[in-house]
Amino acid sequence: MLIRNWSDLKYEIADKLFGKELDEAYKQGIRIGAEFATRQLSFEVNLKRNLKLTKTELRGYNHAIAAIDRTKPEIASKTGRTL
């Protein structure tokens, strides 16, 4: 292994020693982030359910709910979490 940039040596060593663990931690972060974002969006959209909306706002609101409902199964299958 030829080191060209000595300031990156610690990262090279960490990658060699803990590569699998770092990859798994990254994947776990992506899964948890997707789950959190979906739950937060779903909560915020459902929070607006009892508001008085104009016909146009109601139409957009219904599209937002449909989009969230459509993406929940995909996110659940990719992250392994139920939403």
C-alpha atoms as a PDB file:
ATOM      1  CA  MET A   1       0.000   0.000   0.000  1.00  0.00           C
ATOM      2  CA  LEU A   2       1.565   3.234  -1.169  1.00  0.00           C
ATOM      3  CA  ILE A   3       0.475   6.253   0.863  1.00  0.00           C
ATOM      4  CA  ARG A   4       0.291   9.386  -1.238  1.00  0.00           C
ATOM      5  CA  ASN A   5      -1.513  11.570   1.266  1.00  0.00           C
ATOM      6  CA  TRP A   6      -0.357  10.965   4.830  1.00  0.00           C
ATOM      7  CA  SER A   7      -3.208  12.994   6.313  1.00  0.00           C
ATOM      8  CA  ASP A   8      -5.612  10.247   5.178  1.00  0.00           C
ATOM      9  CA  LEU A   9      -3.614   7.438   6.786  1.00  0.00           C
ATOM     10  CA  LYS A  10      -5.930   7.145   9.802  1.00  0.00           C
ATOM     11  CA  TYR A  11      -8.935   6.762   7.474  1.00  0.00           C
ATOM     12  CA  GLU A  12      -7.160   4.105   5.429  1.00  0.00           C
ATOM     13  CA  ILE A  13      -6.349   2.152   8.593  1.00  0.00           C
ATOM     14  CA  ALA A  14      -9.897   2.497   9.930  1.00  0.00           C
ATOM     15  CA  ASP A  15     -11.316   1.322   6.604  1.00  0.00           C
ATOM     16  CA  LYS A  16      -9.090  -1.757   6.621  1.00  0.00           C
ATOM     17  CA  LEU A  17      -9.870  -2.645  10.238  1.00  0.00           C
ATOM     18  CA  PHE A  18     -13.544  -1.670  10.502  1.00  0.00           C
ATOM     19  CA  GLY A  19     -14.797  -1.624   6.904  1.00  0.00           C
ATOM     20  CA  LYS A  20     -17.695  -4.045   7.424  1.00  0.00           C
ATOM     21  CA  GLU A  21     -18.830  -2.371  10.632  1.00  0.00           C
ATOM     22  CA  LEU A  22     -18.725   1.074   9.037  1.00  0.00           C
ATOM     23  CA  ASP A  23     -20.720  -0.154   6.034  1.00  0.00           C
ATOM     24  CA  GLU A  24     -23.341  -1.717   8.294  1.00  0.00           C
ATOM     25  CA  ALA A  25     -23.593   1.441  10.401  1.00  0.00           C
ATOM     26  CA  TYR A  26     -24.087   3.489   7.237  1.00  0.00           C
ATOM     27  CA  LYS A  27     -26.865   1.178   5.989  1.00  0.00           C
ATOM     28  CA  GLN A  28     -28.534   1.265   9.401  1.00  0.00           C
ATOM     29  CA  GLY A  29     -28.426   5.073   9.387  1.00  0.00           C
ATOM     30  CA  ILE A  30     -30.101   5.164   5.980  1.00  0.00           C
ATOM     31  CA  ARG A  31     -32.813   2.735   7.128  1.00  0.00           C
ATOM     32  CA  ILE A  32     -33.560   4.627  10.321  1.00  0.00           C
ATOM     33  CA  GLY A  33     -33.481   7.973   8.534  1.00  0.00           C
ATOM     34  CA  ALA A  34     -36.002   6.792   5.935  1.00  0.00           C
ATOM     35  CA  GLU A  35     -38.262   5.395   8.630  1.00  0.00           C
ATOM     36  CA  PHE A  36     -38.104   8.597  10.665  1.00  0.00           C
ATOM     37  CA  ALA A  37     -38.780  10.819   7.645  1.00  0.00           C
ATOM     38  CA  THR A  38     -41.775   8.735   6.602  1.00  0.00           C
ATOM     39  CA  ARG A  39     -43.255   8.700  10.074  1.00  0.00           C
ATOM     40  CA  GLN A  40     -42.742  12.448  10.463  1.00  0.00           C
ATOM     41  CA  LEU A  41     -44.314  13.246   7.086  1.00  0.00           C
ATOM     42  CA  SER A  42     -47.237  10.940   7.755  1.00  0.00           C
ATOM     43  CA  PHE A  43     -47.792  12.484  11.179  1.00  0.00           C
ATOM     44  CA  GLU A  44     -47.663  16.051   9.852  1.00  0.00           C
ATOM     45  CA  VAL A  45     -50.053  15.322   6.982  1.00  0.00           C
ATOM     46  CA  ASN A  46     -52.516  13.504   9.233  1.00  0.00           C
ATOM     47  CA  LEU A  47     -52.322  16.395  11.704  1.00  0.00           C
ATOM     48  CA  LYS A  48     -53.959  18.642   9.091  1.00  0.00           C
ATOM     49  CA  ARG A  49     -56.889  16.269   8.574  1.00  0.00           C
ATOM     50  CA  ASN A  50     -59.399  18.296  10.609  1.00  0.00           C
ATOM     51  CA  LEU A  51     -58.668  21.703   9.091  1.00  0.00           C
ATOM     52  CA  LYS A  52     -61.147  23.537   6.904  1.00  0.00           C
ATOM     53  CA  LEU A  53     -59.630  23.582   3.446  1.00  0.00           C
ATOM     54  CA  THR A  54     -60.712  25.063   0.147  1.00  0.00           C
ATOM     55  CA  LYS A  55     -61.561  22.702  -2.681  1.00  0.00           C
ATOM     56  CA  THR A  56     -58.107  23.172  -4.235  1.00  0.00           C
ATOM     57  CA  GLU A  57     -56.321  22.724  -0.897  1.00  0.00           C
ATOM     58  CA  LEU A  58     -58.373  19.601  -0.177  1.00  0.00           C
ATOM     59  CA  ARG A  59     -57.448  18.159  -3.546  1.00  0.00           C
ATOM     60  CA  GLY A  60     -53.741  18.755  -2.906  1.00  0.00           C
ATOM     61  CA  TYR A  61     -54.094  17.368   0.604  1.00  0.00           C
ATOM     62  CA  ASN A  62     -55.696  14.190  -0.736  1.00  0.00           C
ATOM     63  CA  HIS A  63     -52.846  13.803  -3.238  1.00  0.00           C
ATOM     64  CA  ALA A  64     -50.321  14.178  -0.408  1.00  0.00           C
ATOM     65  CA  ILE A  65     -52.051  11.462   1.632  1.00  0.00           C
ATOM     66  CA  ALA A  66     -52.192   9.194  -1.420  1.00  0.00           C
ATOM     67  CA  ALA A  67     -48.473   9.735  -2.084  1.00  0.00           C
ATOM     68  CA  ILE A  68     -47.559   8.861   1.491  1.00  0.00           C
ATOM     69  CA  ASP A  69     -49.770   5.783   1.457  1.00  0.00           C
ATOM     70  CA  ARG A  70     -48.218   4.713  -1.865  1.00  0.00           C
ATOM     71  CA  THR A  71     -44.646   5.030  -0.642  1.00  0.00           C
ATOM     72  CA  LYS A  72     -45.074   3.464   2.807  1.00  0.00           C
ATOM     73  CA  PRO A  73     -44.954  -0.158   1.558  1.00  0.00           C
ATOM     74  CA  GLU A  74     -41.877   0.551  -0.571  1.00  0.00           C
ATOM     75  CA  ILE A  75     -40.038   2.174   2.325  1.00  0.00           C
ATOM     76  CA  ALA A  76     -41.120  -0.636   4.652  1.00  0.00           C
ATOM     77  CA  SER A  77     -39.813  -3.278   2.241  1.00  0.00           C
ATOM     78  CA  LYS A  78     -36.485  -1.508   1.706  1.00  0.00           C
ATOM     79  CA  THR A  79     -35.871  -0.647   5.351  1.00  0.00           C
ATOM     80  CA  GLY A  80     -37.412  -3.744   6.924  1.00  0.00           C
ATOM     81  CA  ARG A  81     -39.518  -1.573   9.213  1.00  0.00           C
ATOM     82  CA  THR A  82     -43.280  -1.350   9.459  1.00  0.00           C
ATOM     83  CA  LEU A  83     -44.697   2.139   9.305  1.00  0.00           C
END
